[in-house]
PDB file of N, CA and C in Angstrom:
ATOM      1  N   MET A   1     101.116  68.906  83.214  1.00  0.00           N
ATOM      2  CA  MET A   1     101.558  69.744  84.308  1.00  0.00           C
ATOM      3  C   MET A   1     100.718  69.376  85.533  1.00  0.00           C
ATOM      4  N   SER A   2     101.396  69.197  86.650  1.00  0.00           N
ATOM      5  CA  SER A   2     100.673  68.843  87.867  1.00  0.00           C
ATOM      6  C   SER A   2      99.949  70.067  88.433  1.00  0.00           C
ATOM      7  N   LEU A   3      99.005  69.794  89.290  1.00  0.00           N
ATOM      8  CA  LEU A   3      98.211  70.855  89.910  1.00  0.00           C
ATOM      9  C   LEU A   3      99.104  71.814  90.695  1.00  0.00           C
ATOM     10  N   GLU A   4     100.024  71.249  91.475  1.00  0.00           N
ATOM     11  CA  GLU A   4     100.922  72.093  92.270  1.00  0.00           C
ATOM     12  C   GLU A   4     101.831  72.946  91.390  1.00  0.00           C
ATOM     13  N   SER A   5     102.280  72.397  90.284  1.00  0.00           N
ATOM     14  CA  SER A   5     103.123  73.158  89.350  1.00  0.00           C
ATOM     15  C   SER A   5     102.347  74.322  88.755  1.00  0.00           C
ATOM     16  N   ARG A   6     101.104  74.058  88.403  1.00  0.00           N
ATOM     17  CA  ARG A   6     100.259  75.118  87.823  1.00  0.00           C
ATOM     18  C   ARG A   6     100.011  76.225  88.844  1.00  0.00           C
ATOM     19  N   ILE A   7      99.728  75.838  90.082  1.00  0.00           N
ATOM     20  CA  ILE A   7      99.501  76.840  91.136  1.00  0.00           C
ATOM     21  C   ILE A   7     100.769  77.657  91.370  1.00  0.00           C
ATOM     22  N   LYS A   8     101.918  76.989  91.369  1.00  0.00           N
ATOM     23  CA  LYS A   8     103.189  77.697  91.562  1.00  0.00           C
ATOM     24  C   LYS A   8     103.440  78.686  90.421  1.00  0.00           C
ATOM     25  N   GLU A   9     103.192  78.243  89.195  1.00  0.00           N
ATOM     26  CA  GLU A   9     103.379  79.113  88.029  1.00  0.00           C
ATOM     27  C   GLU A   9     102.462  80.336  88.117  1.00  0.00           C
ATOM     28  N   LEU A  10     101.207  80.106  88.459  1.00  0.00           N
ATOM     29  CA  LEU A  10     100.258  81.209  88.577  1.00  0.00           C
ATOM     30  C   LEU A  10     100.644  82.158  89.718  1.00  0.00           C
ATOM     31  N   SER A  11     101.140  81.612  90.808  1.00  0.00           N
ATOM     32  CA  SER A  11     101.569  82.445  91.936  1.00  0.00           C
ATOM     33  C   SER A  11     102.725  83.360  91.534  1.00  0.00           C
ATOM     34  N   GLU A  12     103.648  82.816  90.741  1.00  0.00           N
ATOM     35  CA  GLU A  12     104.773  83.627  90.265  1.00  0.00           C
ATOM     36  C   GLU A  12     104.283  84.746  89.342  1.00  0.00           C
ATOM     37  N   ARG A  13     103.359  84.420  88.452  1.00  0.00           N
ATOM     38  CA  ARG A  13     102.791  85.451  87.564  1.00  0.00           C
ATOM     39  C   ARG A  13     102.081  86.522  88.386  1.00  0.00           C
ATOM     40  N   HIS A  14     101.375  86.102  89.422  1.00  0.00           N
ATOM     41  CA  HIS A  14     100.662  87.024  90.313  1.00  0.00           C
ATOM     42  C   HIS A  14     101.654  87.992  90.963  1.00  0.00           C
ATOM     43  N   LYS A  15     102.784  87.461  91.445  1.00  0.00           N
ATOM     44  CA  LYS A  15     103.819  88.299  92.073  1.00  0.00           C
ATOM     45  C   LYS A  15     104.415  89.285  91.063  1.00  0.00           C
ATOM     46  N   ARG A  16     104.648  88.817  89.837  1.00  0.00           N
ATOM     47  CA  ARG A  16     105.212  89.708  88.815  1.00  0.00           C
ATOM     48  C   ARG A  16     104.231  90.832  88.470  1.00  0.00           C
ATOM     49  N   LEU A  17     102.950  90.499  88.407  1.00  0.00           N
ATOM     50  CA  LEU A  17     101.951  91.536  88.127  1.00  0.00           C
ATOM     51  C   LEU A  17     101.886  92.545  89.277  1.00  0.00           C
ATOM     52  N   GLU A  18     101.975  92.070  90.502  1.00  0.00           N
ATOM     53  CA  GLU A  18     101.974  92.972  91.664  1.00  0.00           C
ATOM     54  C   GLU A  18     103.164  93.932  91.583  1.00  0.00           C
ATOM     55  N   ALA A  19     104.325  93.410  91.213  1.00  0.00           N
ATOM     56  CA  ALA A  19     105.514  94.258  91.068  1.00  0.00           C
ATOM     57  C   ALA A  19     105.322  95.279  89.948  1.00  0.00           C
ATOM     58  N   ALA A  20     104.727  94.864  88.849  1.00  0.00           N
ATOM     59  CA  ALA A  20     104.485  95.775  87.726  1.00  0.00           C
ATOM     60  C   ALA A  20     103.504  96.877  88.126  1.00  0.00           C
ATOM     61  N   ILE A  21     102.480  96.510  88.888  1.00  0.00           N
ATOM     62  CA  ILE A  21     101.508  97.502  89.368  1.00  0.00           C
ATOM     63  C   ILE A  21     102.189  98.494  90.284  1.00  0.00           C
ATOM     64  N   ASP A  22     102.989  97.991  91.223  1.00  0.00           N
ATOM     65  CA  ASP A  22     103.707  98.877  92.150  1.00  0.00           C
ATOM     66  C   ASP A  22     104.627  99.834  91.401  1.00  0.00           C
ATOM     67  N   ALA A  23     105.331  99.308  90.399  1.00  0.00           N
ATOM     68  CA  ALA A  23     106.243 100.152  89.621  1.00  0.00           C
ATOM     69  C   ALA A  23     105.466 101.233  88.871  1.00  0.00           C
ATOM     70  N   GLU A  24     104.343 100.859  88.311  1.00  0.00           N
ATOM     71  CA  GLU A  24     103.535 101.824  87.558  1.00  0.00           C
ATOM     72  C   GLU A  24     102.973 102.903  88.494  1.00  0.00           C
ATOM     73  N   LEU A  25     102.584 102.508  89.687  1.00  0.00           N
ATOM     74  CA  LEU A  25     102.019 103.462  90.651  1.00  0.00           C
ATOM     75  C   LEU A  25     103.071 104.449  91.155  1.00  0.00           C
ATOM     76  N   LYS A  26     104.340 104.057  91.135  1.00  0.00           N
ATOM     77  CA  LYS A  26     105.418 104.932  91.611  1.00  0.00           C
ATOM     78  C   LYS A  26     105.739 106.044  90.618  1.00  0.00           C
ATOM     79  N   HIS A  27     105.383 105.840  89.347  1.00  0.00           N
ATOM     80  CA  HIS A  27     105.639 106.867  88.349  1.00  0.00           C
ATOM     81  C   HIS A  27     104.632 108.005  88.526  1.00  0.00           C
ATOM     82  N   PRO A  28     105.111 109.231  88.505  1.00  0.00           N
ATOM     83  CA  PRO A  28     104.204 110.368  88.672  1.00  0.00           C
ATOM     84  C   PRO A  28     103.113 110.413  87.596  1.00  0.00           C
ATOM     85  N   ALA A  29     103.442 109.973  86.403  1.00  0.00           N
ATOM     86  CA  ALA A  29     102.464 109.987  85.318  1.00  0.00           C
ATOM     87  C   ALA A  29     102.068 108.552  84.979  1.00  0.00           C
ATOM     88  N   GLY A  30     101.724 107.774  86.013  1.00  0.00           N
ATOM     89  CA  GLY A  30     101.349 106.378  85.804  1.00  0.00           C
ATOM     90  C   GLY A  30     100.151 106.253  84.877  1.00  0.00           C
ATOM     91  N   ASP A  31     100.178 105.255  84.052  1.00  0.00           N
ATOM     92  CA  ASP A  31      99.120 105.017  83.074  1.00  0.00           C
ATOM     93  C   ASP A  31      97.963 104.279  83.755  1.00  0.00           C
ATOM     94  N   GLU A  32      96.871 104.984  84.003  1.00  0.00           N
ATOM     95  CA  GLU A  32      95.726 104.407  84.716  1.00  0.00           C
ATOM     96  C   GLU A  32      95.108 103.229  83.969  1.00  0.00           C
ATOM     97  N   VAL A  33      95.091 103.295  82.650  1.00  0.00           N
ATOM     98  CA  VAL A  33      94.528 102.203  81.860  1.00  0.00           C
ATOM     99  C   VAL A  33      95.381 100.948  82.035  1.00  0.00           C
ATOM    100  N   ARG A  34      96.679 101.119  81.968  1.00  0.00           N
ATOM    101  CA  ARG A  34      97.600  99.974  82.161  1.00  0.00           C
ATOM    102  C   ARG A  34      97.466  99.405  83.570  1.00  0.00           C
ATOM    103  N   ILE A  35      97.384 100.265  84.568  1.00  0.00           N
ATOM    104  CA  ILE A  35      97.230  99.809  85.950  1.00  0.00           C
ATOM    105  C   ILE A  35      95.951  98.996  86.085  1.00  0.00           C
ATOM    106  N   HIS A  36      94.874  99.492  85.517  1.00  0.00           N
ATOM    107  CA  HIS A  36      93.591  98.787  85.580  1.00  0.00           C
ATOM    108  C   HIS A  36      93.681  97.421  84.900  1.00  0.00           C
ATOM    109  N   GLU A  37      94.345  97.371  83.747  1.00  0.00           N
ATOM    110  CA  GLU A  37      94.512  96.116  83.019  1.00  0.00           C
ATOM    111  C   GLU A  37      95.341  95.118  83.833  1.00  0.00           C
ATOM    112  N   LEU A  38      96.419  95.596  84.433  1.00  0.00           N
ATOM    113  CA  LEU A  38      97.270  94.729  85.251  1.00  0.00           C
ATOM    114  C   LEU A  38      96.504  94.187  86.457  1.00  0.00           C
ATOM    115  N   LYS A  39      95.718  95.044  87.087  1.00  0.00           N
ATOM    116  CA  LYS A  39      94.927  94.607  88.242  1.00  0.00           C
ATOM    117  C   LYS A  39      93.887  93.571  87.834  1.00  0.00           C
ATOM    118  N   ARG A  40      93.305  93.754  86.661  1.00  0.00           N
ATOM    119  CA  ARG A  40      92.304  92.803  86.173  1.00  0.00           C
ATOM    120  C   ARG A  40      92.954  91.440  85.909  1.00  0.00           C
ATOM    121  N   LYS A  41      94.146  91.442  85.316  1.00  0.00           N
ATOM    122  CA  LYS A  41      94.872  90.192  85.081  1.00  0.00           C
ATOM    123  C   LYS A  41      95.233  89.523  86.402  1.00  0.00           C
ATOM    124  N   LYS A  42      95.674  90.325  87.352  1.00  0.00           N
ATOM    125  CA  LYS A  42      96.054  89.800  88.660  1.00  0.00           C
ATOM    126  C   LYS A  42      94.857  89.141  89.349  1.00  0.00           C
ATOM    127  N   LEU A  43      93.707  89.762  89.248  1.00  0.00           N
ATOM    128  CA  LEU A  43      92.500  89.215  89.858  1.00  0.00           C
ATOM    129  C   LEU A  43      92.092  87.898  89.184  1.00  0.00           C
ATOM    130  N   ARG A  44      92.213  87.837  87.860  1.00  0.00           N
ATOM    131  CA  ARG A  44      91.887  86.589  87.153  1.00  0.00           C
ATOM    132  C   ARG A  44      92.789  85.450  87.618  1.00  0.00           C
ATOM    133  N   ILE A  45      94.066  85.763  87.792  1.00  0.00           N
ATOM    134  CA  ILE A  45      95.015  84.747  88.250  1.00  0.00           C
ATOM    135  C   ILE A  45      94.672  84.321  89.679  1.00  0.00           C
ATOM    136  N   LYS A  46      94.350  85.275  90.518  1.00  0.00           N
ATOM    137  CA  LYS A  46      93.971  84.958  91.899  1.00  0.00           C
ATOM    138  C   LYS A  46      92.755  84.039  91.916  1.00  0.00           C
ATOM    139  N   ASP A  47      91.769  84.333  91.089  1.00  0.00           N
ATOM    140  CA  ASP A  47      90.566  83.502  91.007  1.00  0.00           C
ATOM    141  C   ASP A  47      90.902  82.094  90.512  1.00  0.00           C
ATOM    142  N   GLU A  48      91.788  82.007  89.529  1.00  0.00           N
ATOM    143  CA  GLU A  48      92.157  80.691  89.010  1.00  0.00           C
ATOM    144  C   GLU A  48      92.896  79.874  90.063  1.00  0.00           C
ATOM    145  N   ILE A  49      93.774  80.522  90.816  1.00  0.00           N
ATOM    146  CA  ILE A  49      94.483  79.824  91.899  1.00  0.00           C
ATOM    147  C   ILE A  49      93.495  79.304  92.926  1.00  0.00           C
ATOM    148  N   ALA A  50      92.546  80.134  93.317  1.00  0.00           N
ATOM    149  CA  ALA A  50      91.545  79.726  94.299  1.00  0.00           C
ATOM    150  C   ALA A  50      90.728  78.541  93.782  1.00  0.00           C
ATOM    151  N   GLU A  51      90.366  78.586  92.516  1.00  0.00           N
ATOM    152  CA  GLU A  51      89.595  77.496  91.915  1.00  0.00           C
ATOM    153  C   GLU A  51      90.395  76.199  91.895  1.00  0.00           C
ATOM    154  N   LEU A  52      91.681  76.284  91.564  1.00  0.00           N
ATOM    155  CA  LEU A  52      92.518  75.097  91.529  1.00  0.00           C
ATOM    156  C   LEU A  52      92.703  74.512  92.922  1.00  0.00           C
ATOM    157  N   ARG A  53      92.786  75.349  93.916  1.00  0.00           N
ATOM    158  CA  ARG A  53      92.971  74.860  95.285  1.00  0.00           C
ATOM    159  C   ARG A  53      91.723  74.143  95.807  1.00  0.00           C
ATOM    160  N   LEU A  54      90.573  74.458  95.237  1.00  0.00           N
ATOM    161  CA  LEU A  54      89.331  73.807  95.650  1.00  0.00           C
ATOM    162  C   LEU A  54      89.181  72.413  95.034  1.00  0.00           C
ATOM    163  N   THR A  55      89.925  72.162  93.957  1.00  0.00           N
ATOM    164  CA  THR A  55      89.789  70.868  93.281  1.00  0.00           C
ATOM    165  C   THR A  55      90.681  69.821  93.875  1.00  0.00           C
TER     166      THR A  55
END
């Protein structure tokens, strides 16, 4: 897999996680543990994208 393909794939996953977080936050009884987990995954992906862009 090329570097650009990997960055594109990670960017798409990042967008999907953002949508999942937004959807969870809209629910009156949103699951805080799930939101925290999703945010943690999103941050890991963001860090990986940044690292790949530096290489």
